[in-house]
């Protein structure tokens, strides 16, 4: 019997598969689970990222701020991750900054972001940075270290430390001049000005030379003017020859002003003698005018006797520019001797020639002058009603205080002389129209009652 089975298998193997039935090359459907899970994971990561950046879940937001951003004001604004790459937002999350809070008043959905300028740390100057490194590495000692600490204190705005450094540098004297001069040369700013302040406090010829040289090398501007003000406070008497040379010889007007201002505060008999000697030998108009201005601006009480001698007798008319300058300087010094001289000179002036001295007296404003002016305004024996007394009353406008107001009120209430009454009324009105109302106390009124009445001299 024939076996037909192999033929049957061969036909079946050669027949094509019916339509719709998958062959061995078809994709199995369970494999779709993997891409679905991947896309779902991406979607969940995107939602978590959005939630973190908007600050909704407190637990996720705190995870970003712990140990880093929680202590930093003015943080970055809300910046959601992109849908195309949501995982990138989470990858950067440990280093990212949480969203800024909205300031009150912002429209819903449109927060007003805070101003970050105040949150930025102040940038230290290059000079301060170098000074910090030098101190930390022990590269400076002595005065150089104190000068470096001054620079750092200025950069840190530490006024207590600044004062301490100034005291230490002033005590070191010339030893501190070189490092302080280096600070001035290193930076035209607060550090340079504080260094100049320290040098002015030292005030020795070496320190004065450094200051004047630096001022002359500084270009015109606000910094130069501030530097000039610091140098004007020089008070070390040992430096007056240098200052006098600077007044006469330099072409820099700022140096002339600074040196002259310092001399005016320390002037005494030796200084005035030297000025007078130079004046007599001067050969140019510039030198003559500068020396006369130097005398005119003297304000030191140590110069009173020399100024009185230079001003001459009260009855003698002025002879030259230097004598006129001395008379004006007496008004700036303003002690009792100076006021007395000026009042007596006014009384001795011929009619029609008393205008300049009268104006000089009414411009007196030195704190040392008030008591002498009050006494003259009350009618001292040195003054007449229409001259010295009225001049003293008008000068009292520069002293708007209780003592002045009390005396003027007494004069207005009981004075019979028309010129004196007019002067007192005008001066009292000028004081009361000032920025601050002044009222005489009971003690001030009692004191003025003890001064008045005085019998003025008759001219």
Protein backbone atom coordinates (compact mmCIF):
# COMPACT_ATOMS: atom_id res chain seq x y z
CA UNK A 1 0.00 0.00 0.00
CA UNK A 2 1.36 3.47 -1.03
CA UNK A 3 2.16 6.11 1.60
CA UNK A 4 0.79 9.48 0.46
CA UNK A 5 1.49 11.53 3.67
CA UNK A 6 4.73 13.19 2.55
CA UNK A 7 3.07 14.63 -0.52
CA UNK A 8 0.32 16.09 1.60
CA UNK A 9 2.84 17.84 3.87
CA UNK A 10 4.68 19.19 0.87
CA UNK A 11 1.55 20.76 -0.59
CA UNK A 12 0.55 22.29 2.66
CA UNK A 13 3.95 23.79 3.15
CA UNK A 14 3.91 25.32 -0.32
CA UNK A 15 0.46 26.89 0.01
CA UNK A 16 0.31 30.58 0.99
CA UNK A 17 -1.12 31.58 4.35
CA UNK A 18 -4.71 32.74 4.30
CA UNK A 19 -5.28 36.50 4.35
CA UNK A 20 -5.52 38.06 7.84
CA UNK A 21 -3.44 35.43 9.58
CA UNK A 22 -0.12 36.60 10.94
CA UNK A 23 2.93 34.79 9.85
CA UNK A 24 6.06 34.27 11.92
CA UNK A 25 7.35 37.86 10.95
CA UNK A 26 4.35 39.74 12.53
CA UNK A 27 4.82 42.10 15.69
CA UNK A 28 3.34 40.72 18.89
CA UNK A 29 0.92 43.19 20.69
CA UNK A 30 2.35 42.72 24.24
CA UNK A 31 5.42 44.63 23.09
CA UNK A 32 3.34 47.86 23.04
CA UNK A 33 3.48 47.96 26.86
CA UNK A 34 7.05 49.34 26.88
CA UNK A 35 6.51 52.51 24.83
CA UNK A 36 3.27 53.19 26.69
CA UNK A 37 5.07 52.95 30.04
CA UNK A 38 7.90 55.20 28.78
CA UNK A 39 5.51 57.90 27.56
CA UNK A 40 3.54 57.69 30.80
CA UNK A 41 6.76 58.15 32.81
CA UNK A 42 7.69 61.20 30.77
CA UNK A 43 4.26 62.67 31.33
CA UNK A 44 4.52 62.13 35.09
CA UNK A 45 7.98 63.70 35.17
CA UNK A 46 6.67 66.73 33.28
CA UNK A 47 3.80 67.15 35.74
CA UNK A 48 6.19 66.87 38.71
CA UNK A 49 8.50 69.48 37.15
CA UNK A 50 5.65 71.93 36.60
CA UNK A 51 4.40 71.39 40.12
CA UNK A 52 7.89 71.98 41.58
CA UNK A 53 8.50 75.19 39.65
CA UNK A 54 5.13 76.69 40.57
CA UNK A 55 5.76 75.91 44.22
CA UNK A 56 2.54 73.89 44.65
CA UNK A 57 3.81 70.85 46.60
CA UNK A 58 5.68 72.15 49.63
CA UNK A 59 7.80 68.99 49.89
CA UNK A 60 9.28 69.36 46.40
CA UNK A 61 9.84 73.11 46.72
CA UNK A 62 11.68 72.69 50.00
CA UNK A 63 13.94 70.08 48.43
CA UNK A 64 15.35 72.76 46.10
CA UNK A 65 15.88 75.44 48.73
CA UNK A 66 17.44 73.35 51.50
CA UNK A 67 20.99 74.50 52.24
CA UNK A 68 21.28 76.74 49.18
CA UNK A 69 18.58 79.07 47.89
CA UNK A 70 16.55 79.51 51.06
CA UNK A 71 19.01 82.14 52.37
CA UNK A 72 19.41 84.06 49.09
CA UNK A 73 17.03 86.99 48.50
CA UNK A 74 15.96 88.06 45.02
CA UNK A 75 15.88 84.61 43.43
CA UNK A 76 15.18 83.66 39.80
CA UNK A 77 11.69 83.97 38.32
CA UNK A 78 9.27 81.18 37.40
CA UNK A 79 10.70 79.33 34.36
CA UNK A 80 8.84 76.09 33.58
CA UNK A 81 10.63 73.28 31.75
CA UNK A 82 9.87 72.71 28.08
CA UNK A 83 7.46 70.01 27.04
CA UNK A 84 9.95 68.69 24.51
CA UNK A 85 12.45 67.81 27.25
CA UNK A 86 10.74 67.71 30.67
CA UNK A 87 13.48 65.57 32.17
CA UNK A 88 15.99 68.39 31.65
CA UNK A 89 14.17 70.55 34.23
CA UNK A 90 14.46 67.88 36.88
CA UNK A 91 18.06 67.19 36.01
CA UNK A 92 18.86 70.85 36.71
CA UNK A 93 16.59 71.06 39.74
CA UNK A 94 19.30 70.58 42.44
CA UNK A 95 21.06 73.69 41.13
CA UNK A 96 17.96 75.64 40.14
CA UNK A 97 16.47 78.50 42.11
CA UNK A 98 12.87 78.55 43.33
CA UNK A 99 10.41 81.05 41.87
CA UNK A 100 10.31 84.67 43.09
CA UNK A 101 7.34 85.68 45.19
CA UNK A 102 5.09 88.32 43.71
CA UNK A 103 5.07 91.79 45.27
CA UNK A 104 1.75 93.05 46.60
CA UNK A 105 -0.30 94.77 43.97
CA UNK A 106 0.47 92.49 41.02
CA UNK A 107 -2.39 91.48 38.75
CA UNK A 108 -3.61 87.91 39.02
CA UNK A 109 -1.51 85.64 36.87
CA UNK A 110 1.07 88.43 36.28
CA UNK A 111 3.27 88.72 39.39
CA UNK A 112 5.47 91.80 39.86
CA UNK A 113 8.98 90.53 40.40
CA UNK A 114 11.10 92.14 43.16
CA UNK A 115 14.04 94.38 42.39
CA UNK A 116 17.25 92.38 42.71
CA UNK A 117 19.66 95.34 42.89
CA UNK A 118 19.62 95.58 46.69
CA UNK A 119 20.30 91.85 46.97
CA UNK A 120 23.52 91.94 44.97
CA UNK A 121 26.61 91.95 47.19
CA UNK A 122 28.79 95.04 46.98
CA UNK A 123 31.82 94.52 44.76
CA UNK A 124 35.10 95.11 46.51
CA UNK A 125 37.60 97.35 44.75
CA UNK A 126 40.70 95.77 43.26
CA UNK A 127 42.78 97.64 45.81
CA UNK A 128 40.73 96.31 48.74
CA UNK A 129 41.00 92.79 47.34
CA UNK A 130 44.78 93.05 47.18
CA UNK A 131 44.89 94.44 50.72
CA UNK A 132 42.79 91.54 52.04
CA UNK A 133 45.10 89.03 50.42
CA UNK A 134 48.19 90.79 51.76
CA UNK A 135 46.80 90.80 55.31
CA UNK A 136 45.58 87.18 55.16
CA UNK A 137 48.94 85.97 53.81
CA UNK A 138 50.94 87.99 56.33
CA UNK A 139 52.69 90.01 53.65
CA UNK A 140 52.37 93.36 55.51
CA UNK A 141 53.34 94.42 59.00
CA UNK A 142 53.41 97.59 61.10
CA UNK A 143 52.12 100.76 59.47
CA UNK A 144 51.63 99.00 56.14
CA UNK A 145 49.30 96.51 57.79
CA UNK A 146 47.34 99.27 59.56
CA UNK A 147 46.99 101.12 56.25
CA UNK A 148 45.76 97.88 54.63
CA UNK A 149 43.25 97.40 57.45
CA UNK A 150 42.05 100.98 56.87
CA UNK A 151 41.45 100.15 53.21
CA UNK A 152 39.52 97.02 54.16
CA UNK A 153 37.47 98.89 56.78
CA UNK A 154 36.52 101.53 54.19
CA UNK A 155 35.52 98.79 51.75
CA UNK A 156 33.41 97.17 54.47
CA UNK A 157 31.95 100.56 55.54
CA UNK A 158 33.07 99.80 59.11
CA UNK A 159 33.27 103.26 60.69
CA UNK A 160 34.39 102.04 64.09
CA UNK A 161 37.32 100.23 62.51
CA UNK A 162 38.10 103.26 60.34
CA UNK A 163 38.37 105.47 63.43
CA UNK A 164 40.61 102.94 65.15
CA UNK A 165 42.93 102.76 62.13
CA UNK A 166 43.08 106.56 61.88
CA UNK A 167 44.11 106.82 65.53
CA UNK A 168 46.82 104.19 65.11
CA UNK A 169 48.18 105.75 61.91
CA UNK A 170 48.26 109.24 63.41
CA UNK A 171 50.21 107.88 66.38
CA UNK A 172 52.79 106.29 64.06
CA UNK A 173 53.62 109.63 62.42
CA UNK A 174 56.05 109.68 59.49
CA UNK A 175 56.31 105.89 59.59
CA UNK A 176 52.78 105.73 58.13
CA UNK A 177 53.27 108.31 55.37
CA UNK A 178 54.51 105.94 52.64
CA UNK A 179 51.72 103.31 52.91
CA UNK A 180 49.10 106.05 53.19
CA UNK A 181 50.49 107.79 50.13
CA UNK A 182 50.30 104.45 48.30
CA UNK A 183 46.61 104.22 49.21
CA UNK A 184 45.97 107.71 47.83
CA UNK A 185 47.79 106.82 44.63
CA UNK A 186 46.00 103.47 44.33
CA UNK A 187 42.42 104.68 44.25
CA UNK A 188 40.61 108.00 43.79
CA UNK A 189 37.68 107.18 46.02
CA UNK A 190 36.73 106.85 49.67
CA UNK A 191 39.91 104.95 50.46
CA UNK A 192 42.06 107.74 49.06
CA UNK A 193 40.11 110.38 50.99
CA UNK A 194 40.44 108.50 54.28
CA UNK A 195 44.15 108.09 53.63
CA UNK A 196 44.36 111.86 53.08
CA UNK A 197 42.49 112.40 56.35
CA UNK A 198 45.06 110.30 58.17
CA UNK A 199 47.93 112.19 56.56
CA UNK A 200 46.35 115.53 57.51
CA UNK A 201 46.13 114.35 61.12
CA UNK A 202 49.82 113.44 61.04
CA UNK A 203 50.57 116.81 59.46
CA UNK A 204 54.37 116.59 59.54
CA UNK A 205 56.39 118.16 56.69
CA UNK A 206 56.72 114.69 55.15
CA UNK A 207 52.95 114.10 55.31
CA UNK A 208 52.23 117.63 54.07
CA UNK A 209 54.53 117.16 51.08
CA UNK A 210 52.75 113.91 50.16
CA UNK A 211 49.35 115.60 50.39
CA UNK A 212 50.27 118.68 48.35
CA UNK A 213 51.96 116.56 45.67
CA UNK A 214 48.95 114.28 45.40
CA UNK A 215 46.58 117.25 45.19
CA UNK A 216 48.65 118.84 42.43
CA UNK A 217 48.65 115.56 40.43
CA UNK A 218 44.89 115.05 40.73
CA UNK A 219 42.77 116.18 37.81
CA UNK A 220 40.07 118.79 38.29
CA UNK A 221 36.75 117.47 39.58
CA UNK A 222 34.76 116.63 42.68
CA UNK A 223 37.41 114.25 44.01
CA UNK A 224 40.04 116.97 43.89
CA UNK A 225 37.73 119.34 45.77
CA UNK A 226 37.14 116.72 48.48
CA UNK A 227 40.87 116.11 48.72
CA UNK A 228 41.40 119.86 49.02
CA UNK A 229 39.00 119.98 51.98
CA UNK A 230 40.95 117.27 53.81
CA UNK A 231 44.23 119.12 53.31
CA UNK A 232 42.64 122.36 54.56
CA UNK A 233 42.48 120.76 58.02
CA UNK A 234 46.24 120.49 58.43
CA UNK A 235 47.16 121.88 61.85
CA UNK A 236 50.71 120.72 62.56
CA UNK A 237 52.63 123.96 63.11
CA UNK A 238 55.87 122.37 61.90
CA UNK A 239 54.55 122.41 58.33
CA UNK A 240 53.83 126.13 57.95
CA UNK A 241 56.98 126.93 55.91
CA UNK A 242 55.95 124.32 53.32
CA UNK A 243 52.41 125.67 53.23
CA UNK A 244 53.63 129.24 52.79
CA UNK A 245 55.86 128.19 49.90
CA UNK A 246 52.89 126.43 48.31
CA UNK A 247 50.75 129.57 48.58
CA UNK A 248 53.36 131.73 46.87
CA UNK A 249 54.93 129.43 44.28
CA UNK A 250 52.38 126.93 43.00
CA UNK A 251 50.23 127.46 39.92
CA UNK A 252 47.50 125.06 41.09
CA UNK A 253 44.64 127.08 42.57
CA UNK A 254 43.40 124.12 44.63
CA UNK A 255 46.82 123.80 46.27
CA UNK A 256 46.83 127.54 47.00
CA UNK A 257 43.39 127.33 48.63
CA UNK A 258 44.19 124.26 50.71
CA UNK A 259 47.54 125.58 51.92
CA UNK A 260 46.07 129.00 52.68
CA UNK A 261 43.18 127.54 54.65
CA UNK A 262 45.57 125.47 56.76
CA UNK A 263 47.80 128.48 57.42
CA UNK A 264 44.82 130.63 58.43
CA UNK A 265 44.03 128.22 61.24
CA UNK A 266 47.58 127.88 62.61
CA UNK A 267 48.83 131.43 62.06
CA UNK A 268 50.69 133.05 64.93
CA UNK A 269 53.42 135.69 65.30
CA UNK A 270 56.16 133.71 63.47
CA UNK A 271 53.84 132.91 60.57
CA UNK A 272 52.64 136.51 60.23
CA UNK A 273 56.17 137.85 60.46
CA UNK A 274 57.19 135.55 57.60
CA UNK A 275 54.17 136.59 55.54
CA UNK A 276 54.90 140.29 56.08
CA UNK A 277 58.56 139.75 55.14
CA UNK A 278 57.57 138.03 51.92
CA UNK A 279 55.01 140.73 51.16
CA UNK A 280 57.67 143.43 51.41
CA UNK A 281 59.92 141.48 49.03
CA UNK A 282 57.20 140.46 46.56
CA UNK A 283 57.86 141.40 42.95
CA UNK A 284 54.69 140.22 41.17
CA UNK A 285 51.05 141.22 41.54
CA UNK A 286 50.10 137.57 41.94
CA UNK A 287 52.39 137.13 44.92
CA UNK A 288 51.22 140.40 46.52
CA UNK A 289 47.53 139.47 46.19
CA UNK A 290 48.04 135.93 47.48
CA UNK A 291 49.90 137.12 50.59
CA UNK A 292 47.27 139.78 51.28
CA UNK A 293 44.51 137.16 50.95
CA UNK A 294 46.42 134.92 53.32
CA UNK A 295 46.41 137.68 55.97
CA UNK A 296 42.75 138.51 55.28
CA UNK A 297 41.62 134.95 56.00
CA UNK A 298 43.54 134.42 59.24
CA UNK A 299 41.22 133.11 61.96
CA UNK A 300 43.60 131.94 64.66
CA UNK A 301 43.39 133.71 68.07
CA UNK A 302 47.15 133.26 68.31
CA UNK A 303 47.47 135.95 65.65
CA UNK A 304 45.54 138.69 67.51
CA UNK A 305 48.50 140.71 68.76
CA UNK A 306 50.29 140.61 65.41
CA UNK A 307 47.13 141.61 63.55
CA UNK A 308 46.48 144.53 65.93
CA UNK A 309 50.02 145.74 65.37
CA UNK A 310 49.66 145.40 61.61
CA UNK A 311 46.28 147.19 61.59
CA UNK A 312 47.80 150.27 63.24
CA UNK A 313 46.23 152.95 65.50
CA UNK A 314 42.44 153.25 65.41
CA UNK A 315 42.66 156.90 64.37
CA UNK A 316 45.15 156.36 61.53
CA UNK A 317 43.74 155.78 58.04
CA UNK A 318 44.69 152.60 56.22
CA UNK A 319 47.87 152.88 54.19
CA UNK A 320 48.11 149.74 52.08
CA UNK A 321 46.50 146.47 51.04
CA UNK A 322 48.14 144.51 53.85
CA UNK A 323 46.76 146.83 56.53
CA UNK A 324 43.24 146.51 55.10
CA UNK A 325 43.66 142.74 55.14
CA UNK A 326 44.68 142.81 58.82
CA UNK A 327 41.55 144.81 59.74
CA UNK A 328 39.35 142.26 57.98
CA UNK A 329 41.22 139.42 59.70
CA UNK A 330 40.41 140.94 63.10
CA UNK A 331 36.73 140.45 62.29
CA UNK A 332 37.39 136.77 61.47
CA UNK A 333 39.32 136.13 64.68
CA UNK A 334 36.65 137.98 66.64
CA UNK A 335 37.86 137.78 70.22
CA UNK A 336 37.13 140.62 72.67
CA UNK A 337 40.27 142.59 71.72
CA UNK A 338 39.44 142.37 68.01
CA UNK A 339 35.82 143.52 68.44
CA UNK A 340 36.87 146.36 70.70
CA UNK A 341 39.48 147.56 68.17
CA UNK A 342 36.98 147.49 65.30
CA UNK A 343 34.33 149.40 67.25
CA UNK A 344 36.81 152.05 68.35
CA UNK A 345 38.10 152.40 64.80
CA UNK A 346 34.53 152.93 63.60
CA UNK A 347 33.98 155.63 66.20
CA UNK A 348 37.22 157.34 65.16
CA UNK A 349 36.37 157.29 61.44
CA UNK A 350 35.54 160.60 59.77
CA UNK A 351 31.97 161.07 58.55
CA UNK A 352 31.54 159.53 55.11
CA UNK A 353 34.60 157.29 55.51
CA UNK A 354 33.18 154.78 57.97
CA UNK A 355 31.37 152.59 55.43
CA UNK A 356 34.03 149.84 55.00
CA UNK A 357 34.67 149.39 58.74
CA UNK A 358 30.91 149.49 59.45
CA UNK A 359 30.33 146.67 56.96
CA UNK A 360 33.24 144.73 58.43
CA UNK A 361 31.64 144.84 61.88
CA UNK A 362 28.17 143.83 60.67
CA UNK A 363 29.73 140.77 58.99
CA UNK A 364 31.32 139.40 62.17
CA UNK A 365 30.15 135.83 62.81
CA UNK A 366 32.84 134.19 64.95
CA UNK A 367 31.42 132.35 67.99
CA UNK A 368 34.02 134.17 70.09
CA UNK A 369 32.46 137.53 69.22
CA UNK A 370 28.90 137.20 70.53
CA UNK A 371 29.45 138.37 74.11
CA UNK A 372 31.40 141.44 72.98
CA UNK A 373 28.73 142.30 70.42
CA UNK A 374 25.92 141.88 72.98
CA UNK A 375 27.74 144.22 75.31
CA UNK A 376 28.20 146.79 72.52
CA UNK A 377 24.59 146.43 71.38
CA UNK A 378 23.44 147.14 74.92
CA UNK A 379 25.38 150.42 74.78
CA UNK A 380 28.91 149.99 76.12
CA UNK A 381 31.10 152.99 76.86
CA UNK A 382 33.11 152.39 73.66
CA UNK A 383 30.28 153.01 71.23
CA UNK A 384 27.84 155.73 70.29
CA UNK A 385 24.19 155.12 69.57
CA UNK A 386 24.25 155.86 65.86
CA UNK A 387 27.50 154.11 64.98
CA UNK A 388 29.07 151.33 67.02
CA UNK A 389 25.88 150.33 68.77
CA UNK A 390 23.79 149.94 65.62
CA UNK A 391 26.66 148.12 63.88
CA UNK A 392 26.84 145.63 66.76
CA UNK A 393 23.05 145.15 66.69
CA UNK A 394 23.09 144.37 62.97
CA UNK A 395 25.96 141.92 63.52
CA UNK A 396 23.79 140.00 66.01
CA UNK A 397 21.72 138.64 63.13
CA UNK A 398 24.54 136.13 62.76
CA UNK A 399 23.77 134.77 66.26
CA UNK A 400 20.12 133.64 66.18
CA UNK A 401 19.85 132.28 69.72
CA UNK A 402 18.05 133.00 73.01
CA UNK A 403 20.62 135.47 74.32
CA UNK A 404 20.39 137.59 71.19
CA UNK A 405 16.59 137.54 71.04
CA UNK A 406 16.26 138.39 74.73
CA UNK A 407 18.46 141.48 74.39
CA UNK A 408 16.78 142.65 71.20
CA UNK A 409 13.33 142.31 72.76
CA UNK A 410 14.50 144.41 75.70
CA UNK A 411 15.83 147.09 73.35
CA UNK A 412 12.64 147.15 71.26
CA UNK A 413 10.52 147.43 74.39
CA UNK A 414 12.37 150.35 75.97
CA UNK A 415 14.70 152.11 73.51
CA UNK A 416 14.23 155.81 72.77
CA UNK A 417 16.91 156.30 70.11
CA UNK A 418 15.31 155.93 66.71
CA UNK A 419 18.39 154.47 64.96
CA UNK A 420 18.94 151.90 67.69
CA UNK A 421 15.24 150.98 67.76
CA UNK A 422 15.15 150.55 63.99
CA UNK A 423 18.29 148.37 63.99
CA UNK A 424 16.95 146.17 66.82
CA UNK A 425 13.54 145.75 65.15
CA UNK A 426 15.03 144.82 61.79
CA UNK A 427 17.52 142.39 63.29
CA UNK A 428 14.85 140.72 65.43
CA UNK A 429 12.57 140.34 62.39
CA UNK A 430 15.43 138.86 60.35
CA UNK A 431 16.08 136.25 63.06
CA UNK A 432 12.42 135.32 63.44
CA UNK A 433 12.03 134.92 59.67
CA UNK A 434 14.80 132.33 59.65
CA UNK A 435 14.24 128.58 59.34
CA UNK A 436 13.83 128.17 63.12
CA UNK A 437 11.77 130.26 65.52
CA UNK A 438 13.81 131.46 68.49
CA UNK A 439 12.10 132.28 71.77
CA UNK A 440 13.88 133.92 74.67
CA UNK A 441 13.75 131.89 77.87
CA UNK A 442 13.20 133.40 81.31
CA UNK A 443 16.87 132.93 82.16
CA UNK A 444 17.95 134.71 78.97
CA UNK A 445 15.59 137.60 79.71
CA UNK A 446 16.92 137.86 83.26
CA UNK A 447 20.48 137.91 81.96
CA UNK A 448 19.68 140.64 79.44
CA UNK A 449 18.08 142.71 82.20
CA UNK A 450 21.36 142.66 84.08
CA UNK A 451 23.17 144.00 81.01
CA UNK A 452 20.72 146.83 80.30
CA UNK A 453 20.56 149.71 80.58
CA UNK A 454 23.98 151.05 79.65
CA UNK A 455 24.73 154.64 78.90
CA UNK A 456 26.25 154.91 75.41
CA UNK A 457 28.87 157.48 74.60
CA UNK A 458 27.93 160.58 72.69
CA UNK A 459 29.68 161.10 69.38
